[in-house]
Amino acid sequence: MCTSDSLLPMRPLIGAGQVAGLARPVLLDVRWTLGGPSREADYRRGHLPDAVWIDFEHQVCGPVGETGGRHPLPDPAAFQEAMREAGVDQDSSVVVYDDGDGMAAARTWWTLRWAGHDDVRVLDGGLRAWTEAGHPLDRTEPAPERGDFTVRPGRLEVLDAESAARWAAERELVDVRAPERYRGENEPVDPVAGHIPGAVNLPISGDGAPEGGFADADSLRARYEPHREAAFYCGSGVGAARAALAATAAGLPTPPVYVGSWSDWISRDRAIATGEEH
């Protein structure tokens, strides 16, 4: 069960220049490409100094089953082990980064917060912002001391198909996928197109800044304030976590996320809407 104090954390984005000012942060490299191979080879070619490689598909997300979606929650014990191996302590300052689109980094941020770790931020603009700011990359693979982080799942609200349907009917459920996927005109990932009946569309493509990374806090607040009571979903809970990060960066409470999202919804033979139908 989430608690009110867990919904308003520190500002969740951090700039490249601010990372150096942290006292011994734990840096997690979670670069990932949807449907692509592991990005570990990219990590070995160059990463932030002292950053630890984390396999997003297998350490941040759980194994795929018949239901639960393409990126289900991890087993708490397995996630705890992965974070301890990466050197995460109870009081660690954790910084997560990806290539810069914020997708895998946001889902890792969200998962750590769901697991009870609030001192976690996303490097705004990711590795691209780091290098563009003139900071060096390293090829040395660190050997962190084993951490003592204990997973306490449930710190953020997670929806399943039943509760997502209720949110859509009684409150507001926001689909953050591209409009053509929401309308069911094009579905490049999942086998069935459309959206959850009653959901409205707010694509995460509107969250970005022209120079990369996220828009400023005022712009994000103007975008998400009208949806402060909403829950979010996407294709498999990754984009929805990015929307949750953006809303949190705007100073709003971290919204509920339907982690299984569309990929879970369609595995359960639920009703489907298309077009602009709510």
Protein backbone atom coordinates (compact mmCIF):
# COMPACT_ATOMS: atom_id res chain seq x y z
CA MET A 1 0.00 0.00 0.00
CA CYS A 2 1.38 3.38 -0.96
CA THR A 3 1.58 6.14 1.63
CA SER A 4 1.10 9.88 1.11
CA ASP A 5 4.69 10.70 2.03
CA SER A 6 5.95 8.34 -0.70
CA LEU A 7 4.08 10.28 -3.38
CA LEU A 8 6.03 13.53 -3.05
CA PRO A 9 9.74 12.71 -3.30
CA MET A 10 12.68 14.96 -4.04
CA ARG A 11 12.84 16.41 -7.52
CA PRO A 12 13.40 13.29 -9.62
CA LEU A 13 15.51 14.78 -12.42
CA ILE A 14 19.16 15.75 -12.11
CA GLY A 15 21.42 17.54 -14.57
CA ALA A 16 24.80 16.29 -15.74
CA GLY A 17 26.59 19.06 -13.85
CA GLN A 18 24.80 18.18 -10.61
CA VAL A 19 25.78 14.52 -10.61
CA ALA A 20 29.39 15.37 -9.82
CA GLY A 21 28.22 17.22 -6.71
CA LEU A 22 26.68 14.12 -5.13
CA ALA A 23 28.64 12.31 -2.46
CA ARG A 24 29.44 8.86 -3.88
CA PRO A 25 26.22 8.23 -5.78
CA VAL A 26 25.35 4.80 -7.13
CA LEU A 27 25.15 5.20 -10.91
CA LEU A 28 23.05 2.69 -12.85
CA ASP A 29 23.36 2.37 -16.63
CA VAL A 30 20.07 0.96 -17.94
CA ARG A 31 20.41 1.65 -21.67
CA TRP A 32 17.82 -0.39 -23.54
CA THR A 33 16.13 -0.64 -26.93
CA LEU A 34 12.59 -1.97 -27.27
CA GLY A 35 12.72 -5.30 -29.05
CA GLY A 36 16.47 -5.06 -29.51
CA PRO A 37 19.46 -6.94 -28.10
CA SER A 38 21.09 -6.22 -24.76
CA ARG A 39 22.96 -2.92 -24.66
CA GLU A 40 25.72 -4.28 -22.46
CA ALA A 41 28.19 -4.02 -25.34
CA ASP A 42 27.48 -0.28 -25.52
CA TYR A 43 28.11 -0.03 -21.79
CA ARG A 44 31.49 -1.71 -22.21
CA ARG A 45 32.43 0.75 -24.94
CA GLY A 46 31.87 3.68 -22.61
CA HIS A 47 29.77 4.68 -19.62
CA LEU A 48 29.69 7.25 -16.84
CA PRO A 49 32.65 6.73 -14.51
CA ASP A 50 31.80 4.16 -11.81
CA ALA A 51 28.43 3.35 -13.39
CA VAL A 52 27.17 -0.23 -12.98
CA TRP A 53 25.47 -2.07 -15.83
CA ILE A 54 21.87 -3.14 -15.17
CA ASP A 55 20.00 -5.40 -17.58
CA PHE A 56 16.65 -3.63 -17.87
CA GLU A 57 14.71 -6.55 -19.34
CA HIS A 58 15.89 -9.13 -16.81
CA GLN A 59 16.77 -7.20 -13.63
CA VAL A 60 14.32 -4.29 -13.57
CA CYS A 61 11.43 -6.25 -15.09
CA GLY A 62 10.16 -9.72 -14.29
CA PRO A 63 9.79 -12.70 -16.62
CA VAL A 64 7.02 -12.55 -19.19
CA GLY A 65 4.06 -14.89 -18.72
CA GLU A 66 0.70 -15.42 -20.38
CA THR A 67 -0.63 -12.38 -18.54
CA GLY A 68 1.07 -9.48 -16.82
CA GLY A 69 2.28 -7.74 -19.94
CA ARG A 70 5.62 -7.45 -21.70
CA HIS A 71 7.39 -5.81 -18.77
CA PRO A 72 5.89 -7.04 -15.50
CA LEU A 73 7.11 -6.11 -12.06
CA PRO A 74 10.21 -7.97 -10.91
CA ASP A 75 10.18 -10.54 -8.17
CA PRO A 76 11.02 -8.49 -5.05
CA ALA A 77 13.78 -10.88 -3.94
CA ALA A 78 15.38 -10.93 -7.39
CA PHE A 79 15.23 -7.15 -7.67
CA GLN A 80 16.70 -6.75 -4.20
CA GLU A 81 19.60 -9.02 -5.15
CA ALA A 82 20.28 -7.09 -8.36
CA MET A 83 20.31 -3.77 -6.53
CA ARG A 84 22.52 -5.08 -3.73
CA GLU A 85 24.98 -6.45 -6.30
CA ALA A 86 25.02 -2.99 -7.86
CA GLY A 87 26.01 -1.50 -4.51
CA VAL A 88 22.69 0.09 -3.52
CA ASP A 89 22.40 0.70 0.23
CA GLN A 90 19.36 1.82 2.19
CA ASP A 91 20.72 5.38 2.21
CA SER A 92 22.37 5.46 -1.22
CA SER A 93 21.80 8.35 -3.61
CA VAL A 94 20.99 6.55 -6.85
CA VAL A 95 21.21 8.11 -10.30
CA VAL A 96 19.78 6.18 -13.24
CA TYR A 97 20.46 6.94 -16.88
CA ASP A 98 19.81 5.65 -20.37
CA ASP A 99 20.52 7.03 -23.84
CA GLY A 100 18.39 10.09 -23.19
CA ASP A 101 14.80 9.21 -24.08
CA GLY A 102 14.13 8.58 -20.40
CA MET A 103 12.15 5.39 -20.96
CA ALA A 104 14.21 2.68 -19.25
CA ALA A 105 15.60 5.17 -16.74
CA ALA A 106 12.12 6.30 -15.74
CA ARG A 107 10.86 2.74 -15.30
CA THR A 108 13.93 1.93 -13.17
CA TRP A 109 13.34 5.10 -11.11
CA TRP A 110 9.70 4.11 -10.69
CA THR A 111 10.57 0.50 -9.75
CA LEU A 112 13.09 1.61 -7.13
CA ARG A 113 10.50 3.92 -5.62
CA TRP A 114 7.85 1.18 -5.72
CA ALA A 115 10.41 -0.97 -3.89
CA GLY A 116 10.85 1.62 -1.14
CA HIS A 117 13.93 3.61 -2.22
CA ASP A 118 13.12 7.32 -2.49
CA ASP A 119 16.60 8.79 -3.00
CA VAL A 120 16.72 8.06 -6.72
CA ARG A 121 16.91 10.43 -9.67
CA VAL A 122 17.11 10.23 -13.44
CA LEU A 123 19.90 11.94 -15.35
CA ASP A 124 17.95 14.37 -17.53
CA GLY A 125 18.99 13.78 -21.12
CA GLY A 126 20.90 10.63 -20.22
CA LEU A 127 24.32 9.72 -21.51
CA ARG A 128 23.88 12.12 -24.44
CA ALA A 129 23.53 15.10 -22.08
CA TRP A 130 26.55 13.90 -20.10
CA THR A 131 28.83 13.81 -23.15
CA GLU A 132 27.45 17.03 -24.64
CA ALA A 133 28.34 18.77 -21.37
CA GLY A 134 31.95 17.70 -21.92
CA HIS A 135 32.09 15.02 -19.22
CA PRO A 136 34.21 11.92 -19.87
CA LEU A 137 33.17 8.33 -20.35
CA ASP A 138 35.01 5.35 -18.90
CA ARG A 139 35.45 1.72 -19.92
CA THR A 140 36.48 0.44 -16.50
CA GLU A 141 33.91 -1.88 -14.97
CA PRO A 142 33.57 -1.09 -11.27
CA ALA A 143 33.39 -3.72 -8.55
CA PRO A 144 30.98 -2.13 -6.07
CA GLU A 145 30.75 -3.25 -2.48
CA ARG A 146 27.60 -5.24 -1.92
CA GLY A 147 24.75 -3.05 -0.72
CA ASP A 148 22.16 -3.62 1.97
CA PHE A 149 19.02 -2.25 0.28
CA THR A 150 15.89 -4.09 1.41
CA VAL A 151 12.95 -4.10 -0.98
CA ARG A 152 9.65 -3.05 0.56
CA PRO A 153 7.22 -3.32 -2.35
CA GLY A 154 4.05 -1.28 -2.59
CA ARG A 155 5.33 2.26 -1.99
CA LEU A 156 3.67 3.41 -5.22
CA GLU A 157 0.16 2.54 -6.36
CA VAL A 158 -0.01 -0.16 -9.02
CA LEU A 159 -3.12 -0.89 -11.05
CA ASP A 160 -4.20 -4.20 -12.54
CA ALA A 161 -6.78 -4.70 -15.29
CA GLU A 162 -9.75 -4.52 -12.92
CA SER A 163 -8.63 -1.37 -11.17
CA ALA A 164 -7.63 0.23 -14.50
CA ALA A 165 -11.15 -0.38 -15.79
CA ARG A 166 -12.58 1.26 -12.67
CA TRP A 167 -10.26 4.27 -13.06
CA ALA A 168 -11.41 4.67 -16.66
CA ALA A 169 -15.07 4.47 -15.66
CA GLU A 170 -15.01 6.49 -12.43
CA ARG A 171 -11.99 8.82 -12.56
CA GLU A 172 -9.47 9.36 -15.37
CA LEU A 173 -7.22 6.84 -17.07
CA VAL A 174 -4.62 8.33 -19.44
CA ASP A 175 -3.10 6.42 -22.36
CA VAL A 176 0.32 7.95 -23.07
CA ARG A 177 1.03 6.12 -26.34
CA ALA A 178 1.16 7.82 -29.73
CA PRO A 179 -2.28 8.94 -31.01
CA GLU A 180 -2.33 6.42 -33.88
CA ARG A 181 -1.77 3.57 -31.43
CA TYR A 182 -4.47 4.92 -29.12
CA ARG A 183 -6.92 5.15 -32.03
CA GLY A 184 -6.03 1.64 -33.20
CA GLU A 185 -4.79 2.78 -36.60
CA ASN A 186 -1.28 1.40 -36.14
CA GLU A 187 0.08 -1.07 -33.60
CA PRO A 188 3.78 -1.83 -34.18
CA VAL A 189 4.37 -3.81 -30.99
CA ASP A 190 1.33 -5.63 -29.64
CA PRO A 191 -0.89 -8.08 -31.57
CA VAL A 192 -4.13 -6.13 -31.02
CA ALA A 193 -4.72 -2.41 -31.64
CA GLY A 194 -6.91 0.06 -29.77
CA HIS A 195 -7.21 1.37 -26.22
CA ILE A 196 -8.92 0.72 -22.90
CA PRO A 197 -12.54 1.92 -23.06
CA GLY A 198 -12.92 5.21 -21.24
CA ALA A 199 -9.23 6.16 -21.47
CA VAL A 200 -8.08 9.51 -22.83
CA ASN A 201 -4.91 10.15 -24.81
CA LEU A 202 -1.95 12.31 -23.68
CA PRO A 203 1.16 11.22 -25.64
CA ILE A 204 4.48 11.37 -23.80
CA SER A 205 6.02 12.87 -26.93
CA GLY A 206 4.79 16.22 -25.59
CA ASP A 207 7.01 16.02 -22.49
CA GLY A 208 10.34 16.71 -24.14
CA ALA A 209 12.49 19.80 -24.46
CA PRO A 210 13.75 20.91 -27.92
CA GLU A 211 17.36 20.37 -26.85
CA GLY A 212 16.61 16.90 -25.47
CA GLY A 213 15.59 15.55 -22.09
CA PHE A 214 12.44 16.66 -20.31
CA ALA A 215 10.69 20.00 -20.60
CA ASP A 216 11.08 22.45 -17.72
CA ALA A 217 9.02 22.03 -14.56
CA ASP A 218 6.58 24.83 -15.42
CA SER A 219 5.82 23.34 -18.82
CA LEU A 220 5.37 19.89 -17.31
CA ARG A 221 3.10 21.26 -14.62
CA ALA A 222 0.90 23.02 -17.20
CA ARG A 223 0.65 19.72 -19.06
CA TYR A 224 -0.02 17.42 -16.10
CA GLU A 225 -1.89 19.62 -13.61
CA PRO A 226 -5.22 18.97 -15.39
CA HIS A 227 -4.52 15.23 -14.92
CA ARG A 228 -3.27 15.25 -11.33
CA GLU A 229 -5.97 12.74 -10.33
CA ALA A 230 -5.31 10.42 -13.27
CA ALA A 231 -3.65 7.02 -13.54
CA PHE A 232 -1.41 6.21 -16.51
CA TYR A 233 -0.85 3.31 -18.89
CA CYS A 234 0.98 2.65 -22.15
CA GLY A 235 2.01 -0.50 -24.02
CA SER A 236 3.84 -2.31 -21.23
CA GLY A 237 4.29 0.12 -18.34
CA VAL A 238 7.54 1.74 -19.52
CA GLY A 239 6.13 4.86 -21.16
CA ALA A 240 3.61 5.17 -18.33
CA ALA A 241 6.48 5.25 -15.83
CA ARG A 242 8.06 8.01 -17.92
CA ALA A 243 4.81 9.97 -17.71
CA ALA A 244 4.77 9.38 -13.95
CA LEU A 245 8.32 10.74 -13.78
CA ALA A 246 7.31 13.83 -15.77
CA ALA A 247 4.31 14.47 -13.51
CA THR A 248 6.51 14.07 -10.44
CA ALA A 249 9.11 16.44 -11.92
CA ALA A 250 6.27 18.95 -12.28
CA GLY A 251 5.81 18.83 -8.50
CA LEU A 252 2.66 16.70 -8.56
CA PRO A 253 2.07 13.51 -6.59
CA THR A 254 3.41 10.44 -8.37
CA PRO A 255 0.37 8.97 -10.17
CA PRO A 256 -0.74 5.34 -10.19
CA VAL A 257 0.58 3.22 -13.07
CA TYR A 258 -1.02 0.22 -14.74
CA VAL A 259 2.22 -1.73 -15.03
CA GLY A 260 0.87 -4.45 -17.33
CA SER A 261 -0.74 -1.76 -19.51
CA TRP A 262 -2.10 -2.57 -22.97
CA SER A 263 -0.05 -5.76 -23.37
CA ASP A 264 -1.67 -7.15 -20.21
CA TRP A 265 -5.13 -5.80 -21.02
CA ILE A 266 -5.37 -7.60 -24.37
CA SER A 267 -4.10 -10.87 -22.85
CA ARG A 268 -7.22 -10.98 -20.67
CA ASP A 269 -9.84 -10.74 -23.43
CA ARG A 270 -11.05 -7.36 -22.19
CA ALA A 271 -13.18 -4.89 -24.16
CA ILE A 272 -11.32 -2.72 -26.70
CA ALA A 273 -12.10 0.78 -27.97
CA THR A 274 -10.83 2.38 -31.19
CA GLY A 275 -10.85 5.81 -32.80
CA GLU A 276 -11.44 8.78 -30.54
CA GLU A 277 -14.00 6.83 -28.53
CA HIS A 278 -13.59 7.27 -24.75
